[in-house]
Every structure is written in structure tokens, then in C-alpha cells.
Amino acid sequence: MVLTLQFFSTTKTATEEEKVPCNHFIIIRGSSNVNEFEFVNFNARISSNSSSKKWDQEIRIPISSFEGPNKYMINDFQQLLKASQYPYIKIKIQHQDLLSGKAQSINTVSPAIITIAGISKNIELPLQISRCDQTGFVVQGDLELKLTDFFIQPPEKVFGAVRVHDKVFITFAIRFKPEQLLTQNESP
């Protein structure tokens, strides 16, 4: 199963100020040997533990909030990720420097912990942190994982004729509002 977890954000130009909100959403794309599928989630939750120039963020993605092609695929997806026992996918981004001064974006690598189906893995997560209009930041990153790294056996259906692929590709863009980030590093 190739799952692609994507958090997207749209940014506004001055002329789009009222048309396009600078929000995030999550798309999980998967594939098997016979098809591809997609799940969408608009309900990521963010927890913050910030200090003067660094911040920790935990992104909690409720598995039950995903919408998909049909109820059977959503049910299979929720069972695969053991949603009844572990209702969230969690990504904890640790000790990340904030943008300072007038910088519009930075590229960095941050230690992170990703938890799927109750299994946590330490990773190094490449990130891009960008200003999002006048009211916040967008944190973006990409990551490739295997389901089996989280002790999730890629499922088979129809007596093995349909096999879900093992690789998971995670791409995200999450918007953080000023009240979620400490921006005091711009002060002396």
C-alpha cells in the first residue's frame, strides 16, 4: 500500500486576501497492485510547547475524520491503522527554530516522532517553514515510510489477488497561527 499523507495549505496574495484562506488539509493517497485511492481530512489538531526561539509541535490527525471513495474503503483504512485503539496519527516536530526578522522562509531538518497505530519512530524530517500571509506560518515537509516499520502488515484482498503496497509517502503543509507559535524571537 502506498499511502501518501499530505497536508496542504494555500497562501494568499494581496489580491486574493478574501478569496483563498491560508488553511491546511490532509490527503492520504494509497495504491495496490490494481488501483489507487485517496482519503481527505480537514481536522488536524495542533499542540504547541514553545519557548523563546524554539517550538515543539504535535500534529494529531483523527483517523475517523478521513473521507474517502466509499464507506468500505474508509472502514478498511481505519482497521488498517487500528483507529479503534489508536484514533490519531501523530507527528511531533521537535525543537524547531522559528523564522526571524523579515525572512520569508527557511529550509531545515528537524528531529520528529511519527506515531501510527501506536508505534512511534524517530525520524529526521526535512522542513520548509514559510510565512503565510500576514497571520501565520506554513510548515511543509516530505517523508517516505513503510507500513511494516509500524508493524502494519499491508493487507491483501480477494485471496491475495489485490495486494496493498508497503511504502508510505507523507507530504504535509500545516498552517500555524500566531497564537500557536511564539514569535518573540523577532524582538531583542
N, C-alpha and C. Protein backbone atom coordinates (compact mmCIF):
# COMPACT_ATOMS: atom_id res chain seq x y z
N MET A 1 0.86 -1.17 0.00
CA MET A 1 0.00 0.00 0.00
C MET A 1 0.89 1.22 0.00
N VAL A 2 0.76 2.06 -0.95
CA VAL A 2 1.46 3.32 -0.95
C VAL A 2 0.45 4.34 -0.46
N LEU A 3 0.67 4.82 0.73
CA LEU A 3 -0.18 5.87 1.29
C LEU A 3 0.60 7.15 1.21
N THR A 4 -0.01 8.20 0.78
CA THR A 4 0.63 9.49 0.76
C THR A 4 -0.17 10.39 1.69
N LEU A 5 0.46 10.81 2.75
CA LEU A 5 -0.19 11.69 3.70
C LEU A 5 0.24 13.09 3.35
N GLN A 6 -0.69 13.92 2.94
CA GLN A 6 -0.36 15.27 2.54
C GLN A 6 -1.18 16.26 3.34
N PHE A 7 -0.50 17.26 3.81
CA PHE A 7 -1.15 18.39 4.45
C PHE A 7 -0.87 19.56 3.53
N PHE A 8 -1.89 20.16 2.98
CA PHE A 8 -1.69 21.25 2.06
C PHE A 8 -2.18 22.55 2.68
N SER A 9 -1.60 23.62 2.24
CA SER A 9 -2.05 24.94 2.63
C SER A 9 -2.04 25.81 1.39
N THR A 10 -2.97 26.70 1.30
CA THR A 10 -2.94 27.67 0.23
C THR A 10 -2.54 29.00 0.82
N THR A 11 -1.71 29.74 0.12
CA THR A 11 -1.31 31.06 0.60
C THR A 11 -2.01 32.11 -0.24
N LYS A 12 -2.16 33.28 0.35
CA LYS A 12 -2.90 34.35 -0.31
C LYS A 12 -1.94 35.41 -0.82
N THR A 13 -2.27 36.00 -1.94
CA THR A 13 -1.63 37.22 -2.36
C THR A 13 -2.52 38.36 -1.89
N ALA A 14 -2.04 39.57 -2.01
CA ALA A 14 -2.84 40.71 -1.54
C ALA A 14 -4.18 40.77 -2.26
N THR A 15 -4.24 40.41 -3.55
CA THR A 15 -5.49 40.48 -4.28
C THR A 15 -6.42 39.32 -3.96
N GLU A 16 -5.89 38.25 -3.38
CA GLU A 16 -6.72 37.09 -3.03
C GLU A 16 -7.08 37.08 -1.55
N GLU A 17 -6.80 38.15 -0.87
CA GLU A 17 -6.95 38.21 0.58
C GLU A 17 -8.24 37.59 1.09
N GLU A 18 -9.36 37.86 0.43
CA GLU A 18 -10.63 37.36 0.93
C GLU A 18 -11.06 36.06 0.24
N LYS A 19 -10.44 35.71 -0.89
CA LYS A 19 -10.88 34.56 -1.66
C LYS A 19 -10.29 33.23 -1.17
N VAL A 20 -8.99 33.20 -0.90
CA VAL A 20 -8.32 31.94 -0.61
C VAL A 20 -7.80 31.95 0.83
N PRO A 21 -8.39 31.14 1.71
CA PRO A 21 -7.89 31.09 3.08
C PRO A 21 -6.55 30.36 3.13
N CYS A 22 -5.74 30.71 4.08
CA CYS A 22 -4.44 30.07 4.26
C CYS A 22 -4.62 28.96 5.29
N ASN A 23 -5.26 27.87 4.89
CA ASN A 23 -5.57 26.77 5.79
C ASN A 23 -4.89 25.49 5.33
N HIS A 24 -4.96 24.49 6.17
CA HIS A 24 -4.37 23.20 5.82
C HIS A 24 -5.45 22.14 5.67
N PHE A 25 -5.06 21.09 4.99
CA PHE A 25 -5.88 19.89 4.94
C PHE A 25 -4.95 18.73 4.69
N ILE A 26 -5.46 17.53 4.81
CA ILE A 26 -4.65 16.33 4.74
C ILE A 26 -5.23 15.41 3.68
N ILE A 27 -4.37 14.89 2.82
CA ILE A 27 -4.77 13.89 1.85
C ILE A 27 -3.88 12.67 2.04
N ILE A 28 -4.48 11.51 2.11
CA ILE A 28 -3.73 10.26 2.14
C ILE A 28 -4.04 9.51 0.86
N ARG A 29 -3.01 9.26 0.08
CA ARG A 29 -3.17 8.51 -1.16
C ARG A 29 -2.50 7.16 -0.99
N GLY A 30 -3.16 6.14 -1.48
CA GLY A 30 -2.61 4.81 -1.41
C GLY A 30 -2.75 4.09 -2.73
N SER A 31 -2.08 2.97 -2.84
CA SER A 31 -2.20 2.17 -4.05
C SER A 31 -2.02 0.69 -3.73
N SER A 32 -2.52 -0.09 -4.63
CA SER A 32 -2.34 -1.53 -4.57
C SER A 32 -1.85 -1.96 -5.95
N ASN A 33 -1.78 -3.24 -6.18
CA ASN A 33 -1.37 -3.71 -7.49
C ASN A 33 -2.45 -3.50 -8.55
N VAL A 34 -3.66 -3.06 -8.14
CA VAL A 34 -4.73 -2.87 -9.12
C VAL A 34 -5.33 -1.46 -9.17
N ASN A 35 -5.16 -0.65 -8.15
CA ASN A 35 -5.75 0.68 -8.20
C ASN A 35 -5.07 1.64 -7.22
N GLU A 36 -5.51 2.88 -7.26
CA GLU A 36 -5.08 3.92 -6.33
C GLU A 36 -6.31 4.47 -5.64
N PHE A 37 -6.11 5.06 -4.45
CA PHE A 37 -7.24 5.61 -3.72
C PHE A 37 -6.77 6.80 -2.92
N GLU A 38 -7.74 7.58 -2.42
CA GLU A 38 -7.43 8.83 -1.74
C GLU A 38 -8.40 9.05 -0.57
N PHE A 39 -7.85 9.54 0.53
CA PHE A 39 -8.63 9.92 1.70
C PHE A 39 -8.30 11.36 2.05
N VAL A 40 -9.30 12.13 2.51
CA VAL A 40 -9.12 13.55 2.79
C VAL A 40 -9.55 13.83 4.23
N ASN A 41 -8.80 14.70 4.90
CA ASN A 41 -9.08 15.07 6.29
C ASN A 41 -8.81 16.57 6.45
N PHE A 42 -9.75 17.29 7.04
CA PHE A 42 -9.60 18.72 7.28
C PHE A 42 -9.44 19.04 8.77
N ASN A 43 -9.20 18.03 9.60
CA ASN A 43 -9.30 18.21 11.05
C ASN A 43 -8.03 17.92 11.84
N ALA A 44 -6.87 18.27 11.32
CA ALA A 44 -5.65 18.08 12.11
C ALA A 44 -5.71 19.00 13.33
N ARG A 45 -5.21 18.51 14.44
CA ARG A 45 -5.16 19.30 15.68
C ARG A 45 -3.70 19.54 16.03
N ILE A 46 -3.42 20.74 16.53
CA ILE A 46 -2.05 21.14 16.80
C ILE A 46 -1.89 21.45 18.27
N SER A 47 -0.85 20.87 18.89
CA SER A 47 -0.47 21.18 20.26
C SER A 47 0.90 21.82 20.22
N SER A 48 1.11 22.84 21.03
CA SER A 48 2.37 23.57 20.99
C SER A 48 2.99 23.67 22.37
N ASN A 49 4.30 23.47 22.42
CA ASN A 49 5.10 23.71 23.62
C ASN A 49 6.25 24.60 23.18
N SER A 50 6.06 25.92 23.27
CA SER A 50 7.05 26.85 22.74
C SER A 50 7.85 27.49 23.86
N SER A 51 9.06 27.88 23.51
CA SER A 51 9.89 28.70 24.37
C SER A 51 10.56 29.74 23.49
N SER A 52 11.38 30.58 24.04
CA SER A 52 11.83 31.80 23.40
C SER A 52 12.07 31.72 21.89
N LYS A 53 12.96 30.86 21.41
CA LYS A 53 13.25 30.83 19.97
C LYS A 53 13.00 29.47 19.36
N LYS A 54 12.47 28.55 20.11
CA LYS A 54 12.24 27.20 19.59
C LYS A 54 10.81 26.81 19.92
N TRP A 55 10.31 25.82 19.19
CA TRP A 55 8.97 25.33 19.46
C TRP A 55 8.90 23.84 19.18
N ASP A 56 8.03 23.19 19.88
CA ASP A 56 7.68 21.80 19.64
C ASP A 56 6.23 21.81 19.18
N GLN A 57 5.93 21.04 18.16
CA GLN A 57 4.57 20.95 17.66
C GLN A 57 4.18 19.49 17.58
N GLU A 58 3.00 19.15 18.04
CA GLU A 58 2.44 17.84 17.80
C GLU A 58 1.19 18.00 16.97
N ILE A 59 1.20 17.36 15.82
CA ILE A 59 0.07 17.38 14.91
C ILE A 59 -0.68 16.07 15.11
N ARG A 60 -1.94 16.16 15.48
CA ARG A 60 -2.77 14.97 15.72
C ARG A 60 -3.83 14.92 14.62
N ILE A 61 -3.82 13.83 13.88
CA ILE A 61 -4.72 13.67 12.75
C ILE A 61 -5.75 12.61 13.10
N PRO A 62 -6.99 12.99 13.35
CA PRO A 62 -8.01 12.00 13.71
C PRO A 62 -8.34 11.09 12.52
N ILE A 63 -8.08 9.82 12.69
CA ILE A 63 -8.31 8.85 11.62
C ILE A 63 -9.78 8.78 11.25
N SER A 64 -10.66 8.95 12.22
CA SER A 64 -12.11 8.86 11.95
C SER A 64 -12.62 10.02 11.11
N SER A 65 -11.84 11.08 10.95
CA SER A 65 -12.28 12.25 10.17
C SER A 65 -11.95 12.15 8.70
N PHE A 66 -11.30 11.09 8.28
CA PHE A 66 -10.98 10.95 6.86
C PHE A 66 -12.23 10.61 6.06
N GLU A 67 -12.34 11.22 4.89
CA GLU A 67 -13.38 10.90 3.93
C GLU A 67 -12.69 10.20 2.77
N GLY A 68 -13.39 9.26 2.15
CA GLY A 68 -12.76 8.51 1.08
C GLY A 68 -13.72 8.14 -0.02
N PRO A 69 -13.25 7.29 -0.95
CA PRO A 69 -14.05 6.94 -2.12
C PRO A 69 -15.36 6.24 -1.77
N ASN A 70 -15.35 5.41 -0.73
CA ASN A 70 -16.58 4.74 -0.32
C ASN A 70 -16.42 4.25 1.12
N LYS A 71 -17.54 3.89 1.73
CA LYS A 71 -17.51 3.54 3.15
C LYS A 71 -16.72 2.26 3.41
N TYR A 72 -16.66 1.35 2.43
CA TYR A 72 -15.90 0.11 2.63
C TYR A 72 -14.40 0.39 2.68
N MET A 73 -13.94 1.28 1.80
CA MET A 73 -12.51 1.63 1.81
C MET A 73 -12.15 2.42 3.06
N ILE A 74 -13.03 3.29 3.51
CA ILE A 74 -12.78 4.03 4.75
C ILE A 74 -12.70 3.05 5.92
N ASN A 75 -13.61 2.10 5.97
CA ASN A 75 -13.59 1.09 7.04
C ASN A 75 -12.29 0.28 7.00
N ASP A 76 -11.87 -0.16 5.82
CA ASP A 76 -10.61 -0.90 5.69
C ASP A 76 -9.43 -0.05 6.14
N PHE A 77 -9.43 1.22 5.75
CA PHE A 77 -8.36 2.15 6.13
C PHE A 77 -8.30 2.31 7.65
N GLN A 78 -9.44 2.51 8.27
CA GLN A 78 -9.49 2.67 9.73
C GLN A 78 -9.05 1.39 10.44
N GLN A 79 -9.43 0.24 9.94
CA GLN A 79 -8.99 -1.02 10.53
C GLN A 79 -7.48 -1.21 10.35
N LEU A 80 -6.96 -0.87 9.19
CA LEU A 80 -5.53 -0.99 8.92
C LEU A 80 -4.71 -0.18 9.92
N LEU A 81 -5.17 1.02 10.22
CA LEU A 81 -4.45 1.90 11.15
C LEU A 81 -4.88 1.71 12.61
N LYS A 82 -5.71 0.71 12.86
CA LYS A 82 -6.17 0.38 14.21
C LYS A 82 -6.80 1.58 14.91
N ALA A 83 -7.68 2.27 14.18
CA ALA A 83 -8.28 3.52 14.66
C ALA A 83 -9.08 3.34 15.94
N SER A 84 -9.67 2.18 16.18
CA SER A 84 -10.45 2.00 17.40
C SER A 84 -9.53 2.01 18.64
N GLN A 85 -8.30 1.57 18.50
CA GLN A 85 -7.34 1.59 19.61
C GLN A 85 -6.50 2.86 19.61
N TYR A 86 -6.13 3.33 18.43
CA TYR A 86 -5.23 4.48 18.27
C TYR A 86 -5.89 5.47 17.33
N PRO A 87 -6.72 6.36 17.85
CA PRO A 87 -7.56 7.20 16.98
C PRO A 87 -6.83 8.30 16.22
N TYR A 88 -5.54 8.50 16.48
CA TYR A 88 -4.80 9.58 15.82
C TYR A 88 -3.51 9.07 15.19
N ILE A 89 -3.17 9.65 14.05
CA ILE A 89 -1.80 9.63 13.55
C ILE A 89 -1.17 10.86 14.17
N LYS A 90 0.02 10.72 14.75
CA LYS A 90 0.66 11.86 15.41
C LYS A 90 2.03 12.12 14.79
N ILE A 91 2.31 13.39 14.57
CA ILE A 91 3.62 13.81 14.11
C ILE A 91 4.09 14.89 15.08
N LYS A 92 5.15 14.62 15.81
CA LYS A 92 5.70 15.60 16.75
C LYS A 92 6.99 16.15 16.17
N ILE A 93 6.97 17.42 15.84
CA ILE A 93 8.14 18.12 15.31
C ILE A 93 8.82 18.77 16.50
N GLN A 94 10.09 18.44 16.72
CA GLN A 94 10.77 18.86 17.93
C GLN A 94 11.77 19.99 17.69
N HIS A 95 11.83 20.91 18.61
CA HIS A 95 12.90 21.89 18.72
C HIS A 95 13.24 22.58 17.41
N GLN A 96 12.26 23.17 16.79
CA GLN A 96 12.49 23.82 15.51
C GLN A 96 12.67 25.32 15.68
N ASP A 97 13.68 25.88 15.00
CA ASP A 97 13.88 27.33 15.01
C ASP A 97 12.74 28.01 14.27
N LEU A 98 12.34 29.16 14.77
CA LEU A 98 11.31 29.94 14.10
C LEU A 98 11.94 30.89 13.10
N LEU A 99 11.11 31.42 12.21
CA LEU A 99 11.59 32.46 11.30
C LEU A 99 11.92 33.69 12.11
N SER A 100 13.00 34.35 11.76
CA SER A 100 13.35 35.57 12.48
C SER A 100 13.38 36.73 11.50
N GLY A 101 13.22 37.94 12.05
CA GLY A 101 13.27 39.14 11.25
C GLY A 101 12.29 39.12 10.11
N LYS A 102 12.76 39.47 8.93
CA LYS A 102 11.89 39.54 7.75
C LYS A 102 12.04 38.33 6.85
N ALA A 103 12.70 37.29 7.31
CA ALA A 103 12.86 36.08 6.49
C ALA A 103 11.49 35.56 6.08
N GLN A 104 11.34 35.21 4.81
CA GLN A 104 10.07 34.69 4.31
C GLN A 104 9.97 33.19 4.44
N SER A 105 11.12 32.48 4.39
CA SER A 105 11.09 31.03 4.57
C SER A 105 12.48 30.52 4.90
N ILE A 106 12.52 29.35 5.52
CA ILE A 106 13.78 28.66 5.79
C ILE A 106 13.58 27.17 5.47
N ASN A 107 14.67 26.53 5.08
CA ASN A 107 14.70 25.08 4.91
C ASN A 107 15.59 24.52 6.01
N THR A 108 15.13 23.47 6.65
CA THR A 108 15.86 22.90 7.76
C THR A 108 15.50 21.42 7.90
N VAL A 109 16.22 20.73 8.76
CA VAL A 109 15.89 19.35 9.10
C VAL A 109 15.65 19.32 10.60
N SER A 110 14.54 18.72 11.01
CA SER A 110 14.17 18.70 12.41
C SER A 110 13.97 17.27 12.90
N PRO A 111 14.41 16.98 14.12
CA PRO A 111 14.03 15.68 14.69
C PRO A 111 12.53 15.65 14.87
N ALA A 112 11.94 14.50 14.61
CA ALA A 112 10.49 14.35 14.74
C ALA A 112 10.18 12.92 15.17
N ILE A 113 8.99 12.75 15.69
CA ILE A 113 8.49 11.42 16.05
C ILE A 113 7.15 11.26 15.36
N ILE A 114 7.01 10.18 14.60
CA ILE A 114 5.73 9.89 13.97
C ILE A 114 5.16 8.64 14.62
N THR A 115 3.88 8.69 14.96
CA THR A 115 3.20 7.56 15.61
C THR A 115 2.01 7.15 14.77
N ILE A 116 2.02 5.88 14.36
CA ILE A 116 0.93 5.30 13.59
C ILE A 116 0.58 3.97 14.25
N ALA A 117 -0.69 3.76 14.53
CA ALA A 117 -1.18 2.51 15.14
C ALA A 117 -0.42 2.19 16.44
N GLY A 118 -0.12 3.23 17.20
CA GLY A 118 0.53 3.05 18.50
C GLY A 118 2.02 2.82 18.45
N ILE A 119 2.64 2.78 17.29
CA ILE A 119 4.07 2.57 17.15
C ILE A 119 4.72 3.89 16.76
N SER A 120 5.74 4.30 17.52
CA SER A 120 6.43 5.56 17.27
C SER A 120 7.81 5.30 16.68
N LYS A 121 8.20 6.15 15.74
CA LYS A 121 9.51 6.08 15.11
C LYS A 121 10.14 7.46 15.12
N ASN A 122 11.42 7.52 15.50
CA ASN A 122 12.18 8.75 15.42
C ASN A 122 12.66 8.93 13.99
N ILE A 123 12.52 10.14 13.49
CA ILE A 123 12.92 10.43 12.12
C ILE A 123 13.60 11.79 12.07
N GLU A 124 14.33 12.04 11.01
CA GLU A 124 14.83 13.38 10.68
C GLU A 124 13.94 13.89 9.56
N LEU A 125 13.25 14.99 9.81
CA LEU A 125 12.22 15.47 8.91
C LEU A 125 12.67 16.76 8.22
N PRO A 126 12.89 16.71 6.90
CA PRO A 126 13.19 17.94 6.16
C PRO A 126 11.95 18.84 6.16
N LEU A 127 12.14 20.10 6.50
CA LEU A 127 11.03 21.04 6.60
C LEU A 127 11.32 22.32 5.84
N GLN A 128 10.26 22.93 5.38
CA GLN A 128 10.32 24.30 4.92
C GLN A 128 9.30 25.07 5.74
N ILE A 129 9.74 26.14 6.37
CA ILE A 129 8.86 27.00 7.16
C ILE A 129 8.74 28.32 6.41
N SER A 130 7.50 28.70 6.07
CA SER A 130 7.27 29.90 5.28
C SER A 130 6.22 30.76 5.95
N ARG A 131 6.34 32.06 5.75
CA ARG A 131 5.28 32.96 6.22
C ARG A 131 4.03 32.71 5.38
N CYS A 132 2.90 32.78 6.04
CA CYS A 132 1.62 32.56 5.37
C CYS A 132 0.82 33.84 5.53
N ASP A 133 0.69 34.60 4.51
CA ASP A 133 0.07 35.91 4.52
C ASP A 133 0.59 36.70 5.71
N GLN A 134 -0.23 37.47 6.34
CA GLN A 134 0.22 38.31 7.46
C GLN A 134 -0.05 37.70 8.82
N THR A 135 -0.64 36.49 8.85
CA THR A 135 -1.13 36.00 10.13
C THR A 135 -0.60 34.65 10.56
N GLY A 136 0.48 34.17 9.99
CA GLY A 136 0.96 32.88 10.45
C GLY A 136 2.06 32.30 9.61
N PHE A 137 2.25 31.00 9.77
CA PHE A 137 3.31 30.26 9.12
C PHE A 137 2.75 28.98 8.54
N VAL A 138 3.41 28.46 7.51
CA VAL A 138 3.10 27.14 6.97
C VAL A 138 4.36 26.31 7.12
N VAL A 139 4.21 25.14 7.71
CA VAL A 139 5.31 24.20 7.85
C VAL A 139 5.04 23.05 6.88
N GLN A 140 6.00 22.80 5.98
CA GLN A 140 5.85 21.78 4.95
C GLN A 140 6.98 20.77 5.05
N GLY A 141 6.70 19.53 4.70
CA GLY A 141 7.73 18.50 4.70
C GLY A 141 7.32 17.28 3.90
N ASP A 142 8.31 16.44 3.62
CA ASP A 142 8.10 15.19 2.88
C ASP A 142 8.83 14.07 3.59
N LEU A 143 8.25 12.88 3.54
CA LEU A 143 8.82 11.73 4.21
C LEU A 143 8.32 10.45 3.57
N GLU A 144 9.20 9.45 3.47
CA GLU A 144 8.80 8.13 2.97
C GLU A 144 8.97 7.11 4.09
N LEU A 145 7.93 6.33 4.34
CA LEU A 145 7.94 5.29 5.37
C LEU A 145 7.40 3.99 4.80
N LYS A 146 7.58 2.92 5.54
CA LYS A 146 6.97 1.64 5.21
C LYS A 146 5.95 1.29 6.28
N LEU A 147 4.82 0.76 5.88
CA LEU A 147 3.82 0.31 6.85
C LEU A 147 4.42 -0.72 7.80
N THR A 148 5.24 -1.61 7.27
CA THR A 148 5.83 -2.67 8.10
C THR A 148 6.75 -2.11 9.18
N ASP A 149 7.28 -0.89 8.99
CA ASP A 149 8.07 -0.25 10.06
C ASP A 149 7.22 0.05 11.28
N PHE A 150 5.89 0.08 11.11
CA PHE A 150 4.96 0.33 12.20
C PHE A 150 4.18 -0.94 12.54
N PHE A 151 4.75 -2.08 12.16
CA PHE A 151 4.15 -3.40 12.41
C PHE A 151 2.75 -3.51 11.83
N ILE A 152 2.54 -2.82 10.70
CA ILE A 152 1.28 -2.92 9.97
C ILE A 152 1.55 -3.77 8.73
N GLN A 153 0.88 -4.88 8.66
CA GLN A 153 1.03 -5.76 7.50
C GLN A 153 0.16 -5.25 6.38
N PRO A 154 0.75 -4.89 5.22
CA PRO A 154 -0.09 -4.43 4.10
C PRO A 154 -1.15 -5.48 3.77
N PRO A 155 -2.41 -5.06 3.73
CA PRO A 155 -3.49 -6.05 3.55
C PRO A 155 -3.56 -6.62 2.14
N GLU A 156 -4.17 -7.79 2.08
CA GLU A 156 -4.47 -8.45 0.82
C GLU A 156 -5.96 -8.74 0.80
N LYS A 157 -6.56 -8.64 -0.36
CA LYS A 157 -7.99 -8.92 -0.54
C LYS A 157 -8.15 -9.94 -1.67
N VAL A 158 -9.30 -10.51 -1.75
CA VAL A 158 -9.67 -11.47 -2.79
C VAL A 158 -8.59 -12.56 -2.88
N PHE A 159 -8.34 -13.21 -1.77
CA PHE A 159 -7.40 -14.33 -1.68
C PHE A 159 -6.01 -13.97 -2.22
N GLY A 160 -5.58 -12.73 -1.96
CA GLY A 160 -4.24 -12.29 -2.37
C GLY A 160 -4.16 -11.72 -3.77
N ALA A 161 -5.25 -11.66 -4.48
CA ALA A 161 -5.23 -11.11 -5.84
C ALA A 161 -5.03 -9.59 -5.82
N VAL A 162 -5.47 -8.93 -4.75
CA VAL A 162 -5.27 -7.49 -4.57
C VAL A 162 -4.36 -7.31 -3.37
N ARG A 163 -3.19 -6.71 -3.62
CA ARG A 163 -2.20 -6.51 -2.56
C ARG A 163 -1.87 -5.03 -2.42
N VAL A 164 -2.01 -4.51 -1.23
CA VAL A 164 -1.70 -3.12 -0.95
C VAL A 164 -0.18 -2.99 -0.82
N HIS A 165 0.38 -1.91 -1.37
CA HIS A 165 1.83 -1.68 -1.31
C HIS A 165 2.26 -1.21 0.08
N ASP A 166 3.52 -1.46 0.41
CA ASP A 166 4.06 -1.21 1.75
C ASP A 166 4.49 0.24 1.98
N LYS A 167 4.97 0.93 0.96
CA LYS A 167 5.54 2.26 1.16
C LYS A 167 4.48 3.31 1.46
N VAL A 168 4.85 4.25 2.33
CA VAL A 168 4.00 5.37 2.72
C VAL A 168 4.77 6.64 2.41
N PHE A 169 4.16 7.53 1.64
CA PHE A 169 4.78 8.81 1.34
C PHE A 169 3.99 9.89 2.05
N ILE A 170 4.67 10.64 2.89
CA ILE A 170 3.99 11.67 3.67
C ILE A 170 4.47 13.03 3.20
N THR A 171 3.53 13.84 2.78
CA THR A 171 3.81 15.23 2.41
C THR A 171 2.81 16.08 3.17
N PHE A 172 3.28 17.15 3.81
CA PHE A 172 2.34 17.94 4.59
C PHE A 172 2.64 19.42 4.49
N ALA A 173 1.60 20.20 4.69
CA ALA A 173 1.67 21.65 4.85
C ALA A 173 0.62 22.00 5.89
N ILE A 174 1.07 22.46 7.02
CA ILE A 174 0.16 22.80 8.13
C ILE A 174 0.34 24.27 8.45
N ARG A 175 -0.75 24.95 8.59
CA ARG A 175 -0.72 26.37 8.94
C ARG A 175 -0.76 26.53 10.45
N PHE A 176 0.12 27.38 10.94
CA PHE A 176 0.14 27.73 12.36
C PHE A 176 -0.16 29.21 12.48
N LYS A 177 -1.11 29.52 13.33
CA LYS A 177 -1.47 30.91 13.58
C LYS A 177 -0.55 31.47 14.64
N PRO A 178 -0.44 32.80 14.76
CA PRO A 178 0.47 33.40 15.73
C PRO A 178 0.24 32.90 17.16
N GLU A 179 -1.00 32.64 17.54
CA GLU A 179 -1.24 32.17 18.90
C GLU A 179 -0.73 30.74 19.12
N GLN A 180 -0.40 30.03 18.02
CA GLN A 180 0.14 28.68 18.14
C GLN A 180 1.66 28.68 18.10
N LEU A 181 2.26 29.77 17.65
CA LEU A 181 3.70 29.87 17.56
C LEU A 181 4.17 31.06 18.38
N LEU A 182 5.28 30.92 19.02
CA LEU A 182 5.87 32.01 19.77
C LEU A 182 6.80 32.75 18.84
N THR A 183 6.53 33.99 18.55
CA THR A 183 7.34 34.74 17.60
C THR A 183 8.17 35.80 18.30
N GLN A 184 8.44 35.63 19.56
CA GLN A 184 9.22 36.61 20.30
C GLN A 184 10.65 36.69 19.83
N ASN A 185 11.11 35.73 19.02
CA ASN A 185 12.48 35.78 18.55
C ASN A 185 12.70 36.97 17.63
N GLU A 186 11.64 37.61 17.19
CA GLU A 186 11.80 38.80 16.35
C GLU A 186 12.07 40.03 17.22
N SER A 187 11.90 39.93 18.53
CA SER A 187 12.18 41.01 19.45
C SER A 187 13.59 40.86 19.99
N PRO A 188 14.19 41.93 20.50
CA PRO A 188 15.54 41.80 21.08
C PRO A 188 15.56 40.93 22.31
